[in-house]
């Protein structure tokens, strides 16, 4: 060994100076392993943000033209001139409702399948987990850093997309002149608020656990997709019970059929959970039970059970709390299993 290495201050760490934290090396390794993921998410985030900004600008421009020409309200759309001025708004509305909303809804599934499931499954499948165990770094610390980078990337990506989607939906769709997009629809709800963030983090953690248990990449990806879909179906089934519904009874309008009366009473943008008629004895009968018979014609009123639009936030907060709790449980299991 050369004596220069022992005496040169530039070649050896200064006396009394603490050594560089080992976590820095792990962080560099994790960043390098996830560089493709980080670049892909950055490109997708820029593209989605640009599309949403374009939708907002195009919608606001059309709305401004409609207001200046007196063509903003529906009673003026019968004229050819107003209809021509209104038509440009259809393209951004269609792009938001039919393209971006389904795409954002699929983000958690894609995160679980393509980010979470391979994270540990590939390490076991390639045998690199043995090299990790041979190092002085503990498996728990290695997993914490290995998981932190993709988790932070998923958090930032889903959070920014959720904020932009909610902003455009509230500004240009709900308060726009044409589009009708209630917040509780299948593709609308999971693209707004905290739902994309909570579902993405849960899918990521679930994929990591499945990959740790199966230790094979492709089976882990397929099983993760199936489990995310199953959990989503269970949550959708339980979602009406996350917040108390509004139970409303209204006396029937004699000039309308019972079913028509119920439909006219449904609030705008509300989520109708159940409906029916109230018989003279006070009993409630669902409209489906009436069928084609006329015995429901003597109903004294109608009843509705629904979630108004302002229930969106509390329902999403409850759902996000459940998903984050499940995410924490899954991560605890993963960290305990990584020791084995």
Protein backbone atom coordinates (compact mmCIF):
# COMPACT_ATOMS: atom_id res chain seq x y z
CA UNK A 1 0.00 0.00 0.00
CA UNK A 2 1.34 3.44 -0.88
CA UNK A 3 2.10 5.76 2.01
CA UNK A 4 0.45 8.58 0.05
CA UNK A 5 -2.94 7.03 0.80
CA UNK A 6 -2.21 7.27 4.49
CA UNK A 7 -0.85 10.81 4.50
CA UNK A 8 -2.59 12.67 1.67
CA UNK A 9 -5.57 14.59 3.12
CA UNK A 10 -7.35 14.44 -0.24
CA UNK A 11 -7.01 10.66 -0.42
CA UNK A 12 -8.05 9.84 3.13
CA UNK A 13 -10.86 11.26 5.27
CA UNK A 14 -9.80 14.00 7.64
CA UNK A 15 -9.19 13.00 11.22
CA UNK A 16 -12.24 13.55 13.37
CA UNK A 17 -14.55 14.02 10.37
CA UNK A 18 -17.52 11.62 10.44
CA UNK A 19 -17.74 9.13 7.62
CA UNK A 20 -20.37 9.62 4.93
CA UNK A 21 -23.69 8.02 5.94
CA UNK A 22 -24.23 4.61 4.46
CA UNK A 23 -27.78 5.63 3.57
CA UNK A 24 -26.37 7.94 0.90
CA UNK A 25 -25.01 4.99 -1.03
CA UNK A 26 -28.30 3.15 -0.74
CA UNK A 27 -30.20 6.20 -1.88
CA UNK A 28 -27.95 6.55 -4.92
CA UNK A 29 -28.49 2.87 -5.73
CA UNK A 30 -32.26 3.18 -5.37
CA UNK A 31 -32.34 6.25 -7.60
CA UNK A 32 -30.31 4.43 -10.21
CA UNK A 33 -32.54 1.36 -10.07
CA UNK A 34 -35.65 3.53 -10.51
CA UNK A 35 -34.30 5.95 -13.09
CA UNK A 36 -36.54 4.56 -15.84
CA UNK A 37 -39.59 4.82 -13.58
CA UNK A 38 -38.72 8.39 -12.56
CA UNK A 39 -38.20 9.52 -16.14
CA UNK A 40 -41.42 7.84 -17.30
CA UNK A 41 -43.46 9.42 -14.53
CA UNK A 42 -41.93 12.82 -15.20
CA UNK A 43 -42.80 12.63 -18.90
CA UNK A 44 -46.33 11.43 -18.15
CA UNK A 45 -46.81 14.15 -15.56
CA UNK A 46 -45.74 16.84 -18.01
CA UNK A 47 -48.04 15.45 -20.71
CA UNK A 48 -51.06 15.18 -18.39
CA UNK A 49 -50.45 18.63 -16.92
CA UNK A 50 -50.16 20.13 -20.40
CA UNK A 51 -53.40 18.44 -21.48
CA UNK A 52 -55.28 19.71 -18.43
CA UNK A 53 -53.98 23.24 -18.86
CA UNK A 54 -55.04 23.10 -22.52
CA UNK A 55 -58.52 21.91 -21.51
CA UNK A 56 -58.82 24.77 -19.03
CA UNK A 57 -57.63 27.42 -21.48
CA UNK A 58 -59.80 26.12 -24.33
CA UNK A 59 -62.88 25.91 -22.10
CA UNK A 60 -62.39 29.36 -20.62
CA UNK A 61 -61.85 30.85 -24.06
CA UNK A 62 -65.11 29.36 -25.35
CA UNK A 63 -66.98 30.43 -22.23
CA UNK A 64 -65.67 33.96 -22.65
CA UNK A 65 -66.87 34.05 -26.26
CA UNK A 66 -70.29 32.73 -25.24
CA UNK A 67 -70.69 35.33 -22.51
CA UNK A 68 -69.64 38.23 -24.75
CA UNK A 69 -72.06 37.18 -27.51
CA UNK A 70 -75.01 36.37 -25.24
CA UNK A 71 -74.87 32.65 -26.09
CA UNK A 72 -73.94 31.27 -22.69
CA UNK A 73 -77.38 30.09 -21.55
CA UNK A 74 -79.18 27.07 -23.08
CA UNK A 75 -82.21 29.07 -24.22
CA UNK A 76 -80.00 30.81 -26.78
CA UNK A 77 -78.52 27.64 -28.30
CA UNK A 78 -81.36 27.18 -30.74
CA UNK A 79 -79.82 29.78 -33.01
CA UNK A 80 -77.24 28.59 -35.52
CA UNK A 81 -74.79 31.31 -34.52
CA UNK A 82 -74.78 30.36 -30.83
CA UNK A 83 -74.57 26.65 -31.60
CA UNK A 84 -71.54 27.28 -33.80
CA UNK A 85 -69.85 29.28 -31.05
CA UNK A 86 -70.65 26.56 -28.51
CA UNK A 87 -69.36 23.58 -30.49
CA UNK A 88 -65.59 24.13 -29.78
CA UNK A 89 -66.14 23.30 -26.10
CA UNK A 90 -67.14 19.72 -26.92
CA UNK A 91 -63.59 18.62 -27.69
CA UNK A 92 -61.96 19.57 -24.35
CA UNK A 93 -64.98 18.24 -22.45
CA UNK A 94 -64.83 14.93 -24.31
CA UNK A 95 -61.07 14.65 -23.77
CA UNK A 96 -61.45 15.22 -20.03
CA UNK A 97 -64.46 12.97 -19.40
CA UNK A 98 -63.78 10.14 -21.85
CA UNK A 99 -59.97 10.01 -22.01
CA UNK A 100 -58.28 11.50 -18.95
CA UNK A 101 -60.73 10.29 -16.32
CA UNK A 102 -60.50 6.60 -17.32
CA UNK A 103 -56.72 6.95 -17.64
CA UNK A 104 -56.36 8.41 -14.13
CA UNK A 105 -58.73 5.76 -12.78
CA UNK A 106 -56.36 3.08 -14.10
CA UNK A 107 -53.24 4.65 -12.53
CA UNK A 108 -53.42 2.72 -9.20
CA UNK A 109 -53.79 -0.58 -11.03
CA UNK A 110 -50.81 0.22 -13.25
CA UNK A 111 -48.75 1.31 -10.24
CA UNK A 112 -49.45 -1.92 -8.40
CA UNK A 113 -48.78 -4.14 -11.42
CA UNK A 114 -45.76 -2.46 -12.99
CA UNK A 115 -44.12 -0.72 -10.01
CA UNK A 116 -45.07 -2.55 -6.83
CA UNK A 117 -45.12 -6.20 -7.93
CA UNK A 118 -41.68 -6.29 -9.63
CA UNK A 119 -39.93 -4.32 -6.88
CA UNK A 120 -39.09 -7.34 -4.70
CA UNK A 121 -40.10 -10.14 -7.06
CA UNK A 122 -37.28 -9.28 -9.45
CA UNK A 123 -34.73 -9.23 -6.63
CA UNK A 124 -35.70 -12.76 -5.63
CA UNK A 125 -36.07 -13.99 -9.20
CA UNK A 126 -32.62 -12.73 -10.23
CA UNK A 127 -30.97 -13.82 -7.00
CA UNK A 128 -29.70 -10.33 -6.19
CA UNK A 129 -31.40 -10.52 -2.80
CA UNK A 130 -28.54 -12.81 -1.72
CA UNK A 131 -26.01 -10.08 -2.42
CA UNK A 132 -28.05 -7.67 -0.35
CA UNK A 133 -28.12 -10.04 2.59
CA UNK A 134 -24.34 -10.40 2.39
CA UNK A 135 -23.81 -6.66 2.88
CA UNK A 136 -23.45 -4.90 6.20
CA UNK A 137 -26.66 -2.94 5.59
CA UNK A 138 -29.66 -4.47 7.32
CA UNK A 139 -32.49 -5.78 5.11
CA UNK A 140 -34.95 -3.40 6.78
CA UNK A 141 -32.84 -0.34 5.96
CA UNK A 142 -32.27 -1.55 2.42
CA UNK A 143 -36.01 -2.09 1.88
CA UNK A 144 -36.86 1.30 3.38
CA UNK A 145 -34.62 3.11 0.90
CA UNK A 146 -35.53 0.78 -1.96
CA UNK A 147 -39.21 1.50 -1.41
CA UNK A 148 -38.91 5.20 -0.56
CA UNK A 149 -37.94 6.38 -4.05
CA UNK A 150 -40.84 4.79 -6.01
CA UNK A 151 -43.27 5.62 -3.20
CA UNK A 152 -42.26 9.29 -3.29
CA UNK A 153 -42.50 9.30 -7.09
CA UNK A 154 -45.97 7.75 -6.98
CA UNK A 155 -47.04 10.20 -4.27
CA UNK A 156 -45.90 13.25 -6.24
CA UNK A 157 -47.29 12.01 -9.54
CA UNK A 158 -50.72 11.01 -8.22
CA UNK A 159 -50.96 14.10 -6.01
CA UNK A 160 -50.21 16.59 -8.77
CA UNK A 161 -52.52 14.80 -11.21
CA UNK A 162 -55.33 14.68 -8.61
CA UNK A 163 -55.01 18.40 -7.87
CA UNK A 164 -55.08 19.33 -11.56
CA UNK A 165 -57.95 16.96 -12.35
CA UNK A 166 -60.03 18.31 -9.47
CA UNK A 167 -59.28 21.90 -10.46
CA UNK A 168 -60.34 21.42 -14.08
CA UNK A 169 -63.40 19.35 -13.10
CA UNK A 170 -64.60 22.00 -10.63
CA UNK A 171 -63.77 25.01 -12.80
CA UNK A 172 -64.60 23.89 -16.32
CA UNK A 173 -66.89 20.86 -16.05
CA UNK A 174 -69.19 21.33 -13.07
CA UNK A 175 -69.45 25.08 -13.61
CA UNK A 176 -69.26 24.88 -17.39
CA UNK A 177 -72.18 25.56 -19.70
CA UNK A 178 -72.53 22.09 -21.24
CA UNK A 179 -70.87 19.12 -19.52
CA UNK A 180 -72.77 17.07 -16.96
CA UNK A 181 -70.38 15.03 -14.83
CA UNK A 182 -71.66 14.11 -11.32
CA UNK A 183 -68.81 13.45 -8.87
CA UNK A 184 -69.94 9.95 -7.93
CA UNK A 185 -69.81 8.44 -11.41
CA UNK A 186 -67.60 5.40 -12.01
CA UNK A 187 -64.72 7.18 -13.73
CA UNK A 188 -65.21 10.59 -12.09
CA UNK A 189 -64.94 9.68 -8.40
CA UNK A 190 -61.55 7.89 -8.53
CA UNK A 191 -60.00 10.72 -10.56
CA UNK A 192 -60.79 13.48 -8.05
CA UNK A 193 -59.62 14.55 -4.62
CA UNK A 194 -57.52 12.22 -2.50
CA UNK A 195 -58.77 9.04 -4.17
CA UNK A 196 -55.95 8.73 -6.76
CA UNK A 197 -53.28 9.23 -4.09
CA UNK A 198 -54.70 6.78 -1.55
CA UNK A 199 -55.39 4.09 -4.15
CA UNK A 200 -51.96 4.46 -5.76
CA UNK A 201 -50.08 4.10 -2.47
CA UNK A 202 -52.20 1.11 -1.46
CA UNK A 203 -51.69 -0.61 -4.82
CA UNK A 204 -47.94 -0.01 -4.59
CA UNK A 205 -47.71 -1.56 -1.12
CA UNK A 206 -49.94 -4.47 -2.09
CA UNK A 207 -47.81 -5.18 -5.13
CA UNK A 208 -44.65 -5.19 -3.02
CA UNK A 209 -46.19 -7.70 -0.60
CA UNK A 210 -47.37 -9.98 -3.40
CA UNK A 211 -43.95 -9.85 -5.02
CA UNK A 212 -42.31 -10.74 -1.70
CA UNK A 213 -44.61 -13.73 -1.20
CA UNK A 214 -44.55 -15.14 -4.75
CA UNK A 215 -40.94 -14.21 -5.63
CA UNK A 216 -41.81 -14.44 -9.33
CA UNK A 217 -42.37 -11.32 -11.38
CA UNK A 218 -45.12 -12.27 -13.85
CA UNK A 219 -47.29 -14.20 -11.36
CA UNK A 220 -46.91 -11.33 -8.90
CA UNK A 221 -48.03 -8.82 -11.53
CA UNK A 222 -51.13 -10.82 -12.47
CA UNK A 223 -52.10 -11.50 -8.86
CA UNK A 224 -51.57 -7.85 -7.89
CA UNK A 225 -53.87 -6.69 -10.67
CA UNK A 226 -56.54 -9.17 -9.60
CA UNK A 227 -56.28 -8.19 -5.93
CA UNK A 228 -56.43 -4.46 -6.65
CA UNK A 229 -59.57 -5.04 -8.75
CA UNK A 230 -61.15 -7.16 -6.00
CA UNK A 231 -60.43 -4.62 -3.29
CA UNK A 232 -61.77 -1.85 -5.52
CA UNK A 233 -64.99 -3.79 -6.01
CA UNK A 234 -65.38 -4.28 -2.25
CA UNK A 235 -64.77 -0.60 -1.56
CA UNK A 236 -67.28 0.44 -4.24
CA UNK A 237 -69.84 -1.86 -2.63
CA UNK A 238 -69.20 -0.37 0.82
CA UNK A 239 -68.82 3.25 -0.33
CA UNK A 240 -72.47 4.29 0.24
CA UNK A 241 -72.02 3.51 3.95
CA UNK A 242 -68.95 5.70 4.44
CA UNK A 243 -71.17 8.66 5.26
CA UNK A 244 -74.81 8.92 6.41
CA UNK A 245 -77.18 9.28 3.48
CA UNK A 246 -79.85 11.93 3.19
CA UNK A 247 -83.24 10.30 3.73
CA UNK A 248 -85.98 12.44 2.24
CA UNK A 249 -89.72 11.86 1.98
CA UNK A 250 -91.88 14.11 -0.20
CA UNK A 251 -95.59 13.99 -0.74
CA UNK A 252 -96.48 12.76 -4.17
CA UNK A 253 -97.56 15.06 -6.96
CA UNK A 254 -100.86 13.55 -8.20
CA UNK A 255 -100.12 14.66 -11.77
CA UNK A 256 -97.02 12.45 -12.02
CA UNK A 257 -96.40 8.73 -11.86
CA UNK A 258 -94.51 7.54 -8.75
CA UNK A 259 -91.33 6.81 -10.66
CA UNK A 260 -91.38 10.17 -12.42
CA UNK A 261 -91.90 11.92 -9.10
CA UNK A 262 -88.85 10.24 -7.64
CA UNK A 263 -86.72 11.16 -10.61
CA UNK A 264 -87.74 14.82 -10.48
CA UNK A 265 -86.83 15.00 -6.79
CA UNK A 266 -83.26 13.77 -7.25
CA UNK A 267 -80.86 16.67 -6.56
CA UNK A 268 -78.41 17.74 -9.23
CA UNK A 269 -75.12 15.83 -9.15
CA UNK A 270 -76.40 13.64 -6.30
CA UNK A 271 -75.72 9.94 -5.91
CA UNK A 272 -79.08 8.20 -5.69
CA UNK A 273 -78.61 5.17 -3.42
CA UNK A 274 -82.21 3.98 -3.22
CA UNK A 275 -85.70 5.22 -4.00
CA UNK A 276 -89.33 4.20 -3.82
CA UNK A 277 -92.84 5.18 -2.82
CA UNK A 278 -94.57 5.59 0.52
CA UNK A 279 -97.90 3.77 0.81
CA UNK A 280 -100.86 5.27 2.70
CA UNK A 281 -100.09 3.04 5.71
CA UNK A 282 -96.58 4.51 5.94
CA UNK A 283 -94.71 1.48 4.55
CA UNK A 284 -91.99 2.01 1.98
CA UNK A 285 -91.95 0.16 -1.32
CA UNK A 286 -89.15 0.24 -3.88
CA UNK A 287 -90.11 1.31 -7.38
CA UNK A 288 -88.87 -2.02 -8.74
CA UNK A 289 -91.41 -3.83 -6.57
CA UNK A 290 -94.24 -1.97 -8.24
CA UNK A 291 -93.40 -3.52 -11.61
CA UNK A 292 -96.09 -2.98 -14.18
CA UNK A 293 -98.95 -3.15 -11.69
CA UNK A 294 -101.09 -0.21 -10.67
CA UNK A 295 -101.23 -0.86 -6.93
CA UNK A 296 -98.44 1.70 -6.32
CA UNK A 297 -100.57 4.42 -7.92
CA UNK A 298 -102.20 5.02 -4.56
CA UNK A 299 -98.90 5.94 -2.90
CA UNK A 300 -99.02 8.93 -0.62
CA UNK A 301 -95.51 10.10 -1.34
CA UNK A 302 -92.02 9.20 -2.48
CA UNK A 303 -88.78 8.57 -0.62
CA UNK A 304 -85.17 9.00 -1.60
CA UNK A 305 -81.89 7.96 -0.05
CA UNK A 306 -79.00 9.79 -1.67
CA UNK A 307 -75.61 11.43 -1.20
CA UNK A 308 -75.56 15.06 -2.33
CA UNK A 309 -72.51 16.41 -4.11
CA UNK A 310 -71.09 17.91 -0.91
CA UNK A 311 -70.71 14.39 0.54
CA UNK A 312 -67.84 13.77 -1.88
CA UNK A 313 -65.15 15.10 0.47
CA UNK A 314 -66.18 13.22 3.66
CA UNK A 315 -66.72 9.98 1.73
CA UNK A 316 -63.29 10.28 0.12
CA UNK A 317 -61.64 11.08 3.44
CA UNK A 318 -63.13 7.95 5.03
CA UNK A 319 -62.11 5.84 2.04
CA UNK A 320 -58.60 7.30 2.03
CA UNK A 321 -58.27 6.61 5.75
CA UNK A 322 -59.23 2.97 5.22
CA UNK A 323 -56.81 2.58 2.33
CA UNK A 324 -53.93 4.23 4.17
CA UNK A 325 -54.57 2.00 7.19
CA UNK A 326 -54.48 -1.05 4.93
CA UNK A 327 -51.30 0.30 3.34
CA UNK A 328 -49.67 0.59 6.76
CA UNK A 329 -50.68 -2.97 7.66
CA UNK A 330 -49.32 -4.29 4.35
CA UNK A 331 -46.01 -2.47 4.84
CA UNK A 332 -45.63 -3.83 8.36
CA UNK A 333 -46.07 -7.35 6.98
CA UNK A 334 -43.56 -6.67 4.20
CA UNK A 335 -40.90 -5.34 6.57
CA UNK A 336 -41.36 -8.30 8.89
CA UNK A 337 -41.19 -10.79 6.04
CA UNK A 338 -38.06 -9.23 4.58
CA UNK A 339 -36.09 -10.49 7.56
CA UNK A 340 -36.92 -14.10 6.66
